[in-house]
């Protein structure tokens, strides 16, 4: 009961302070207006829950595909790569994962001008890790939603019409 009284007193103090501020911003005076609004009010509960996912890690080497033009800089024929997938807890990790990486490279045309073209590294990466990871989450659930009528006093600048 003391908490309810303290909350009500605090609310009145805040309304009074904000209305005094509003009155100070009015050059010509003003009046109190009573407003009635319908607002939706819900009871809220906080729930904690866990989610478990399977994390699959892959790594290995990708091979450079065909280049239509001679690059101006060295592109290695193989490149190390790693990737991961997140699956449902009940799923199992595939033993390999196809991966492809593309980019652009500069080359010099026979007439001496420079241009760009695409390169692609691709290949199968082998399974390197298989882990179940559980995370904690919190969510707010609204129940018993209803419409309530609220009446508030609002300071209006000017004179009542």
N, C-alpha and C. Protein backbone atom coordinates (compact mmCIF):
# COMPACT_ATOMS: atom_id res chain seq x y z
N UNK A 1 0.83 -1.19 0.00
CA UNK A 1 0.00 0.00 0.00
C UNK A 1 0.87 1.25 0.00
N UNK A 2 2.00 1.20 0.78
CA UNK A 2 2.89 2.35 0.81
C UNK A 2 3.49 2.60 -0.57
N UNK A 3 3.78 1.51 -1.31
CA UNK A 3 4.37 1.65 -2.64
C UNK A 3 3.38 2.33 -3.58
N UNK A 4 2.10 1.97 -3.49
CA UNK A 4 1.08 2.58 -4.34
C UNK A 4 0.96 4.06 -4.03
N UNK A 5 0.96 4.44 -2.75
CA UNK A 5 0.86 5.86 -2.37
C UNK A 5 2.07 6.63 -2.84
N UNK A 6 3.25 6.04 -2.70
CA UNK A 6 4.48 6.68 -3.13
C UNK A 6 4.48 6.87 -4.65
N UNK A 7 4.02 5.85 -5.39
CA UNK A 7 3.95 5.95 -6.85
C UNK A 7 2.98 7.05 -7.27
N UNK A 8 1.82 7.13 -6.62
CA UNK A 8 0.83 8.16 -6.95
C UNK A 8 1.38 9.55 -6.65
N UNK A 9 2.06 9.72 -5.53
CA UNK A 9 2.64 11.01 -5.17
C UNK A 9 3.71 11.43 -6.17
N UNK A 10 4.54 10.48 -6.58
CA UNK A 10 5.58 10.76 -7.56
C UNK A 10 4.96 11.18 -8.89
N UNK A 11 3.91 10.50 -9.32
CA UNK A 11 3.24 10.83 -10.57
C UNK A 11 2.66 12.24 -10.53
N UNK A 12 2.03 12.60 -9.40
CA UNK A 12 1.47 13.95 -9.27
C UNK A 12 2.56 15.01 -9.28
N UNK A 13 3.67 14.73 -8.62
CA UNK A 13 4.78 15.66 -8.61
C UNK A 13 5.33 15.88 -10.02
N UNK A 14 5.48 14.78 -10.79
CA UNK A 14 5.98 14.90 -12.17
C UNK A 14 5.00 15.66 -13.05
N UNK A 15 3.71 15.42 -12.90
CA UNK A 15 2.71 16.14 -13.69
C UNK A 15 2.75 17.62 -13.35
N UNK A 16 2.87 17.93 -12.06
CA UNK A 16 2.95 19.32 -11.64
C UNK A 16 4.18 20.01 -12.19
N UNK A 17 5.31 19.34 -12.15
CA UNK A 17 6.56 19.92 -12.64
C UNK A 17 6.49 20.16 -14.14
N UNK A 18 5.95 19.19 -14.88
CA UNK A 18 5.88 19.35 -16.33
C UNK A 18 4.86 20.42 -16.71
N UNK A 19 3.77 20.52 -15.93
CA UNK A 19 2.78 21.56 -16.26
C UNK A 19 3.31 22.94 -15.93
N UNK A 20 4.11 23.06 -14.86
CA UNK A 20 4.71 24.36 -14.55
C UNK A 20 5.66 24.77 -15.67
N UNK A 21 6.40 23.81 -16.21
CA UNK A 21 7.30 24.10 -17.33
C UNK A 21 6.49 24.55 -18.53
N UNK A 22 5.37 23.88 -18.80
CA UNK A 22 4.53 24.24 -19.95
C UNK A 22 3.97 25.66 -19.77
N UNK A 23 3.57 26.02 -18.54
CA UNK A 23 3.02 27.35 -18.30
C UNK A 23 4.08 28.43 -18.49
N UNK A 24 5.34 28.12 -18.16
CA UNK A 24 6.40 29.10 -18.32
C UNK A 24 6.67 29.38 -19.78
N UNK A 25 6.36 28.45 -20.68
CA UNK A 25 6.60 28.63 -22.10
C UNK A 25 5.46 29.36 -22.80
N UNK A 26 4.39 29.67 -22.10
CA UNK A 26 3.26 30.39 -22.69
C UNK A 26 3.41 31.87 -22.41
N UNK A 27 3.45 32.69 -23.46
CA UNK A 27 3.59 34.15 -23.30
C UNK A 27 2.25 34.80 -22.94
N UNK A 28 1.14 34.25 -23.40
CA UNK A 28 -0.16 34.90 -23.25
C UNK A 28 -1.04 34.24 -22.18
N UNK A 29 -0.53 33.28 -21.46
CA UNK A 29 -1.34 32.58 -20.48
C UNK A 29 -1.93 31.32 -21.08
N UNK A 30 -2.85 30.71 -20.37
CA UNK A 30 -3.43 29.48 -20.88
C UNK A 30 -4.49 28.94 -19.96
N UNK A 31 -4.80 27.68 -20.13
CA UNK A 31 -5.85 27.05 -19.35
C UNK A 31 -5.58 25.55 -19.24
N UNK A 32 -6.21 24.93 -18.27
CA UNK A 32 -6.13 23.48 -18.12
C UNK A 32 -7.20 22.82 -18.97
N UNK A 33 -6.81 21.83 -19.73
CA UNK A 33 -7.74 21.08 -20.56
C UNK A 33 -7.76 19.65 -20.03
N UNK A 34 -8.94 19.08 -19.96
CA UNK A 34 -9.09 17.69 -19.52
C UNK A 34 -9.22 16.83 -20.77
N UNK A 35 -8.34 15.84 -20.89
CA UNK A 35 -8.40 14.93 -22.05
C UNK A 35 -8.67 13.51 -21.56
N UNK A 36 -9.55 12.85 -22.29
CA UNK A 36 -9.85 11.45 -21.99
C UNK A 36 -9.40 10.63 -23.17
N UNK A 37 -8.59 9.63 -22.89
CA UNK A 37 -8.05 8.77 -23.95
C UNK A 37 -8.28 7.31 -23.60
N UNK A 38 -8.50 6.52 -24.64
CA UNK A 38 -8.54 5.07 -24.47
C UNK A 38 -7.16 4.53 -24.75
N UNK A 39 -6.61 3.78 -23.83
CA UNK A 39 -5.27 3.21 -23.99
C UNK A 39 -5.36 1.71 -23.78
N UNK A 40 -4.48 1.00 -24.48
CA UNK A 40 -4.42 -0.45 -24.30
C UNK A 40 -3.43 -0.76 -23.20
N UNK A 41 -3.87 -1.57 -22.26
CA UNK A 41 -3.05 -1.95 -21.12
C UNK A 41 -2.96 -3.47 -21.10
N UNK A 42 -1.76 -3.99 -20.90
CA UNK A 42 -1.56 -5.44 -20.85
C UNK A 42 -0.74 -5.81 -19.63
N UNK A 43 -0.99 -6.99 -19.10
CA UNK A 43 -0.12 -7.54 -18.08
C UNK A 43 1.07 -8.15 -18.80
N UNK A 44 2.27 -7.97 -18.25
CA UNK A 44 3.46 -8.51 -18.90
C UNK A 44 4.19 -9.46 -17.97
N UNK A 45 4.76 -10.47 -18.56
CA UNK A 45 5.59 -11.43 -17.85
C UNK A 45 6.88 -11.62 -18.62
N UNK A 46 7.97 -11.80 -17.91
CA UNK A 46 9.25 -12.06 -18.54
C UNK A 46 9.55 -13.55 -18.43
N UNK A 47 9.85 -14.15 -19.57
CA UNK A 47 10.16 -15.59 -19.62
C UNK A 47 11.61 -15.80 -20.02
N UNK A 48 12.26 -16.73 -19.39
CA UNK A 48 13.60 -17.16 -19.80
C UNK A 48 13.46 -18.47 -20.55
N UNK A 49 14.20 -18.61 -21.65
CA UNK A 49 14.17 -19.86 -22.40
C UNK A 49 15.53 -20.11 -23.03
N UNK A 50 15.77 -21.34 -23.42
CA UNK A 50 17.05 -21.71 -24.03
C UNK A 50 16.82 -22.18 -25.46
N UNK A 51 17.84 -21.97 -26.30
CA UNK A 51 17.83 -22.44 -27.68
C UNK A 51 19.13 -23.19 -27.91
N UNK A 52 19.02 -24.40 -28.43
CA UNK A 52 20.21 -25.19 -28.73
C UNK A 52 20.31 -25.37 -30.23
N UNK A 53 21.46 -25.05 -30.79
CA UNK A 53 21.72 -25.17 -32.22
C UNK A 53 23.00 -25.97 -32.44
N UNK A 54 23.08 -26.62 -33.59
CA UNK A 54 24.29 -27.36 -33.98
C UNK A 54 25.14 -26.45 -34.86
N UNK A 55 26.40 -26.26 -34.46
CA UNK A 55 27.35 -25.41 -35.20
C UNK A 55 28.35 -26.32 -35.90
N UNK A 56 28.37 -26.25 -37.23
CA UNK A 56 29.26 -27.08 -38.05
C UNK A 56 30.35 -26.19 -38.64
N UNK A 57 31.60 -26.55 -38.42
CA UNK A 57 32.72 -25.80 -38.96
C UNK A 57 33.41 -26.58 -40.07
N UNK A 58 33.83 -25.89 -41.13
CA UNK A 58 34.47 -26.51 -42.28
C UNK A 58 35.73 -25.73 -42.63
N UNK A 59 36.77 -26.44 -43.08
CA UNK A 59 37.94 -25.76 -43.62
C UNK A 59 38.63 -26.66 -44.63
N UNK A 60 39.50 -26.05 -45.40
CA UNK A 60 40.23 -26.78 -46.43
C UNK A 60 40.74 -25.82 -47.48
N UNK A 61 41.04 -26.36 -48.67
CA UNK A 61 41.61 -25.55 -49.74
C UNK A 61 40.66 -25.48 -50.93
N UNK A 62 40.60 -24.28 -51.53
CA UNK A 62 39.82 -24.05 -52.73
C UNK A 62 40.78 -23.88 -53.90
N UNK A 63 40.34 -24.29 -55.08
CA UNK A 63 41.18 -24.24 -56.28
C UNK A 63 40.74 -23.11 -57.18
N UNK A 64 41.72 -22.40 -57.76
CA UNK A 64 41.46 -21.31 -58.68
C UNK A 64 40.90 -21.87 -59.99
N UNK A 65 39.80 -21.28 -60.45
CA UNK A 65 39.21 -21.71 -61.72
C UNK A 65 39.94 -21.09 -62.91
N UNK A 66 39.38 -21.30 -64.09
CA UNK A 66 39.98 -20.81 -65.34
C UNK A 66 39.99 -19.29 -65.38
N UNK A 67 41.13 -18.72 -65.76
CA UNK A 67 41.24 -17.27 -65.96
C UNK A 67 41.28 -16.99 -67.45
N UNK A 68 40.44 -16.11 -67.93
CA UNK A 68 40.38 -15.79 -69.35
C UNK A 68 41.52 -14.87 -69.78
N UNK A 69 42.10 -14.15 -68.81
CA UNK A 69 43.18 -13.21 -69.11
C UNK A 69 44.31 -13.40 -68.10
N UNK A 70 45.52 -13.01 -68.47
CA UNK A 70 46.69 -13.11 -67.60
C UNK A 70 46.65 -11.96 -66.58
N UNK A 71 46.56 -12.27 -65.27
CA UNK A 71 46.50 -11.19 -64.27
C UNK A 71 47.80 -10.40 -64.21
N UNK A 72 47.70 -9.13 -63.79
CA UNK A 72 48.87 -8.28 -63.60
C UNK A 72 49.59 -8.61 -62.29
N UNK A 73 48.97 -9.37 -61.42
CA UNK A 73 49.60 -9.78 -60.15
C UNK A 73 49.37 -11.27 -59.97
N UNK A 74 50.13 -11.85 -59.07
CA UNK A 74 50.09 -13.30 -58.86
C UNK A 74 48.82 -13.70 -58.12
N UNK A 75 48.11 -14.68 -58.67
CA UNK A 75 46.99 -15.31 -57.98
C UNK A 75 47.39 -16.76 -57.72
N UNK A 76 47.48 -17.19 -56.44
CA UNK A 76 47.87 -18.57 -56.15
C UNK A 76 46.83 -19.55 -56.69
N UNK A 77 47.25 -20.78 -56.99
CA UNK A 77 46.33 -21.78 -57.54
C UNK A 77 45.42 -22.39 -56.48
N UNK A 78 45.85 -22.35 -55.21
CA UNK A 78 44.97 -22.82 -54.13
C UNK A 78 44.91 -21.75 -53.05
N UNK A 79 43.80 -21.75 -52.34
CA UNK A 79 43.57 -20.78 -51.27
C UNK A 79 42.91 -21.50 -50.11
N UNK A 80 43.39 -21.22 -48.89
CA UNK A 80 42.79 -21.78 -47.68
C UNK A 80 41.49 -21.05 -47.38
N UNK A 81 40.47 -21.78 -46.95
CA UNK A 81 39.19 -21.17 -46.62
C UNK A 81 38.54 -21.91 -45.46
N UNK A 82 37.70 -21.21 -44.74
CA UNK A 82 36.90 -21.83 -43.68
C UNK A 82 35.53 -21.19 -43.69
N UNK A 83 34.55 -21.96 -43.28
CA UNK A 83 33.18 -21.47 -43.23
C UNK A 83 32.43 -22.24 -42.15
N UNK A 84 31.24 -21.82 -41.85
CA UNK A 84 30.45 -22.51 -40.84
C UNK A 84 28.97 -22.47 -41.21
N UNK A 85 28.24 -23.40 -40.60
CA UNK A 85 26.79 -23.47 -40.77
C UNK A 85 26.17 -23.67 -39.41
N UNK A 86 25.00 -23.10 -39.21
CA UNK A 86 24.24 -23.31 -37.98
C UNK A 86 22.97 -24.05 -38.37
N UNK A 87 22.77 -25.21 -37.73
CA UNK A 87 21.62 -26.07 -38.05
C UNK A 87 20.77 -26.29 -36.82
N UNK A 88 19.60 -26.87 -37.03
CA UNK A 88 18.75 -27.25 -35.90
C UNK A 88 19.47 -28.30 -35.06
N UNK A 89 19.13 -28.35 -33.79
CA UNK A 89 19.77 -29.27 -32.86
C UNK A 89 19.68 -30.72 -33.32
N UNK A 90 18.57 -31.10 -33.93
CA UNK A 90 18.35 -32.49 -34.33
C UNK A 90 19.02 -32.85 -35.63
N UNK A 91 19.52 -31.87 -36.37
CA UNK A 91 20.20 -32.15 -37.64
C UNK A 91 21.62 -32.64 -37.38
N UNK A 92 22.20 -33.23 -38.42
CA UNK A 92 23.60 -33.63 -38.31
C UNK A 92 24.41 -32.86 -39.35
N UNK A 93 25.67 -32.63 -39.05
CA UNK A 93 26.54 -31.86 -39.95
C UNK A 93 26.90 -32.71 -41.16
N UNK A 94 26.76 -32.18 -42.38
CA UNK A 94 27.25 -32.89 -43.56
C UNK A 94 28.78 -33.03 -43.47
N UNK A 95 29.33 -34.06 -44.08
CA UNK A 95 30.77 -34.31 -43.98
C UNK A 95 31.60 -33.30 -44.77
N UNK A 96 30.99 -32.60 -45.73
CA UNK A 96 31.71 -31.57 -46.48
C UNK A 96 30.75 -30.47 -46.88
N UNK A 97 31.32 -29.32 -47.24
CA UNK A 97 30.53 -28.14 -47.61
C UNK A 97 31.16 -27.51 -48.84
N UNK A 98 30.38 -27.29 -49.90
CA UNK A 98 30.87 -26.64 -51.11
C UNK A 98 31.02 -25.15 -50.83
N UNK A 99 32.13 -24.57 -51.24
CA UNK A 99 32.35 -23.15 -51.04
C UNK A 99 32.91 -22.54 -52.32
N UNK A 100 32.59 -21.30 -52.56
CA UNK A 100 33.05 -20.59 -53.74
C UNK A 100 33.32 -19.14 -53.35
N UNK A 101 34.46 -18.60 -53.79
CA UNK A 101 34.83 -17.22 -53.51
C UNK A 101 35.21 -16.55 -54.82
N UNK A 102 34.63 -15.40 -55.08
CA UNK A 102 34.93 -14.68 -56.32
C UNK A 102 35.52 -13.31 -56.01
N UNK A 103 36.18 -12.76 -56.99
CA UNK A 103 36.76 -11.43 -56.86
C UNK A 103 37.15 -10.92 -58.23
N UNK A 104 37.74 -9.74 -58.26
CA UNK A 104 38.19 -9.16 -59.53
C UNK A 104 39.71 -9.04 -59.55
N UNK A 105 40.26 -9.06 -60.74
CA UNK A 105 41.70 -8.85 -60.91
C UNK A 105 41.93 -7.94 -62.11
N UNK A 106 43.07 -7.23 -62.06
CA UNK A 106 43.47 -6.36 -63.15
C UNK A 106 44.31 -7.15 -64.14
N UNK A 107 44.14 -6.84 -65.41
CA UNK A 107 45.01 -7.40 -66.45
C UNK A 107 45.24 -6.33 -67.52
N UNK A 108 46.31 -6.54 -68.30
CA UNK A 108 46.67 -5.58 -69.35
C UNK A 108 46.28 -6.17 -70.70
N UNK A 109 45.51 -5.43 -71.46
CA UNK A 109 45.09 -5.86 -72.79
C UNK A 109 46.28 -5.76 -73.76
N UNK A 110 46.21 -6.44 -74.92
CA UNK A 110 47.30 -6.37 -75.89
C UNK A 110 47.62 -4.94 -76.36
N UNK A 111 46.62 -4.05 -76.33
CA UNK A 111 46.88 -2.66 -76.76
C UNK A 111 47.46 -1.80 -75.63
N UNK A 112 47.70 -2.39 -74.44
CA UNK A 112 48.34 -1.69 -73.32
C UNK A 112 47.39 -1.08 -72.31
N UNK A 113 46.08 -1.10 -72.58
CA UNK A 113 45.13 -0.56 -71.61
C UNK A 113 44.85 -1.61 -70.53
N UNK A 114 44.46 -1.12 -69.37
CA UNK A 114 44.16 -2.02 -68.25
C UNK A 114 42.66 -2.23 -68.15
N UNK A 115 42.30 -3.43 -67.69
CA UNK A 115 40.89 -3.77 -67.51
C UNK A 115 40.78 -4.75 -66.34
N UNK A 116 39.56 -5.10 -65.96
CA UNK A 116 39.35 -6.06 -64.88
C UNK A 116 38.56 -7.26 -65.39
N UNK A 117 38.73 -8.37 -64.68
CA UNK A 117 37.98 -9.59 -64.98
C UNK A 117 37.72 -10.30 -63.66
N UNK A 118 36.93 -11.36 -63.69
CA UNK A 118 36.56 -12.10 -62.48
C UNK A 118 37.40 -13.36 -62.33
N UNK A 119 37.72 -13.69 -61.06
CA UNK A 119 38.32 -14.99 -60.75
C UNK A 119 37.39 -15.71 -59.78
N UNK A 120 37.49 -17.04 -59.74
CA UNK A 120 36.69 -17.84 -58.82
C UNK A 120 37.54 -18.96 -58.23
N UNK A 121 37.52 -19.05 -56.91
CA UNK A 121 38.08 -20.19 -56.19
C UNK A 121 36.90 -21.02 -55.72
N UNK A 122 36.99 -22.35 -55.88
CA UNK A 122 35.88 -23.19 -55.43
C UNK A 122 36.40 -24.57 -55.05
N UNK A 123 35.58 -25.28 -54.29
CA UNK A 123 35.93 -26.64 -53.89
C UNK A 123 35.16 -27.08 -52.66
N UNK A 124 35.41 -28.34 -52.25
CA UNK A 124 34.76 -28.91 -51.08
C UNK A 124 35.63 -28.68 -49.85
N UNK A 125 35.01 -28.22 -48.77
CA UNK A 125 35.70 -28.06 -47.50
C UNK A 125 35.25 -29.18 -46.58
N UNK A 126 36.19 -29.78 -45.87
CA UNK A 126 35.87 -30.89 -44.97
C UNK A 126 35.38 -30.42 -43.61
N UNK A 127 34.59 -31.26 -42.96
CA UNK A 127 34.05 -30.97 -41.64
C UNK A 127 35.20 -30.94 -40.63
N UNK A 128 35.32 -29.85 -39.87
CA UNK A 128 36.39 -29.73 -38.89
C UNK A 128 35.88 -29.63 -37.45
N UNK A 129 34.61 -29.25 -37.27
CA UNK A 129 34.05 -29.20 -35.91
C UNK A 129 32.55 -29.40 -35.96
N UNK A 130 32.03 -30.02 -34.92
CA UNK A 130 30.60 -30.30 -34.78
C UNK A 130 30.26 -30.09 -33.31
N UNK A 131 29.57 -28.98 -33.00
CA UNK A 131 29.28 -28.65 -31.61
C UNK A 131 27.83 -28.26 -31.42
N UNK A 132 27.28 -28.64 -30.27
CA UNK A 132 25.96 -28.16 -29.86
C UNK A 132 26.19 -26.97 -28.94
N UNK A 133 25.56 -25.83 -29.25
CA UNK A 133 25.70 -24.64 -28.43
C UNK A 133 24.32 -24.21 -27.95
N UNK A 134 24.22 -23.97 -26.65
CA UNK A 134 22.97 -23.55 -26.04
C UNK A 134 23.10 -22.11 -25.60
N UNK A 135 22.10 -21.29 -25.95
CA UNK A 135 22.10 -19.89 -25.55
C UNK A 135 20.84 -19.59 -24.74
N UNK A 136 20.99 -18.68 -23.79
CA UNK A 136 19.87 -18.25 -22.94
C UNK A 136 19.26 -16.99 -23.53
N UNK A 137 17.94 -16.92 -23.53
CA UNK A 137 17.23 -15.76 -24.06
C UNK A 137 16.12 -15.35 -23.10
N UNK A 138 15.69 -14.12 -23.23
CA UNK A 138 14.59 -13.60 -22.42
C UNK A 138 13.58 -12.95 -23.36
N UNK A 139 12.32 -13.16 -23.09
CA UNK A 139 11.28 -12.50 -23.89
C UNK A 139 10.18 -12.01 -22.95
N UNK A 140 9.48 -10.97 -23.40
CA UNK A 140 8.37 -10.41 -22.64
C UNK A 140 7.08 -10.84 -23.32
N UNK A 141 6.18 -11.43 -22.54
CA UNK A 141 4.91 -11.91 -23.07
C UNK A 141 3.79 -11.05 -22.49
N UNK A 142 2.91 -10.56 -23.37
CA UNK A 142 1.78 -9.75 -22.92
C UNK A 142 0.54 -10.63 -22.84
N UNK A 143 -0.18 -10.52 -21.71
CA UNK A 143 -1.42 -11.27 -21.52
C UNK A 143 -2.48 -10.32 -20.97
N UNK A 144 -3.71 -10.76 -21.01
CA UNK A 144 -4.83 -10.02 -20.43
C UNK A 144 -4.86 -8.58 -20.93
N UNK A 145 -4.76 -8.38 -22.24
CA UNK A 145 -4.79 -7.03 -22.81
C UNK A 145 -6.22 -6.50 -22.79
N UNK A 146 -6.35 -5.22 -22.43
CA UNK A 146 -7.66 -4.60 -22.33
C UNK A 146 -7.54 -3.10 -22.61
N UNK A 147 -8.67 -2.47 -22.90
CA UNK A 147 -8.69 -1.03 -23.14
C UNK A 147 -9.20 -0.35 -21.88
N UNK A 148 -8.44 0.63 -21.43
CA UNK A 148 -8.84 1.40 -20.25
C UNK A 148 -8.93 2.87 -20.64
N UNK A 149 -9.79 3.61 -19.95
CA UNK A 149 -9.97 5.03 -20.18
C UNK A 149 -9.11 5.78 -19.17
N UNK A 150 -8.29 6.68 -19.67
CA UNK A 150 -7.42 7.49 -18.81
C UNK A 150 -7.79 8.96 -19.02
N UNK A 151 -7.88 9.70 -17.93
CA UNK A 151 -8.16 11.13 -17.98
C UNK A 151 -6.94 11.86 -17.45
N UNK A 152 -6.46 12.84 -18.22
CA UNK A 152 -5.28 13.61 -17.82
C UNK A 152 -5.57 15.10 -17.99
N UNK A 153 -4.90 15.91 -17.17
CA UNK A 153 -4.97 17.37 -17.31
C UNK A 153 -3.79 17.81 -18.16
N UNK A 154 -4.06 18.65 -19.18
CA UNK A 154 -3.02 19.14 -20.08
C UNK A 154 -3.11 20.66 -20.10
N UNK A 155 -1.97 21.34 -19.92
CA UNK A 155 -1.93 22.81 -19.97
C UNK A 155 -1.91 23.25 -21.41
N UNK A 156 -2.80 24.14 -21.79
CA UNK A 156 -2.89 24.66 -23.15
C UNK A 156 -2.53 26.15 -23.15
N UNK A 157 -1.71 26.55 -24.08
CA UNK A 157 -1.38 27.98 -24.22
C UNK A 157 -2.52 28.69 -24.93
N UNK A 158 -2.73 29.97 -24.60
CA UNK A 158 -3.79 30.75 -25.24
C UNK A 158 -5.04 30.72 -24.39
N UNK A 159 -6.15 31.06 -25.00
CA UNK A 159 -7.41 31.13 -24.27
C UNK A 159 -8.36 30.08 -24.78
N UNK A 160 -9.25 29.64 -23.90
CA UNK A 160 -10.19 28.60 -24.26
C UNK A 160 -11.09 29.10 -25.38
N UNK A 161 -11.30 28.28 -26.42
CA UNK A 161 -12.14 28.72 -27.54
C UNK A 161 -13.61 28.82 -27.15
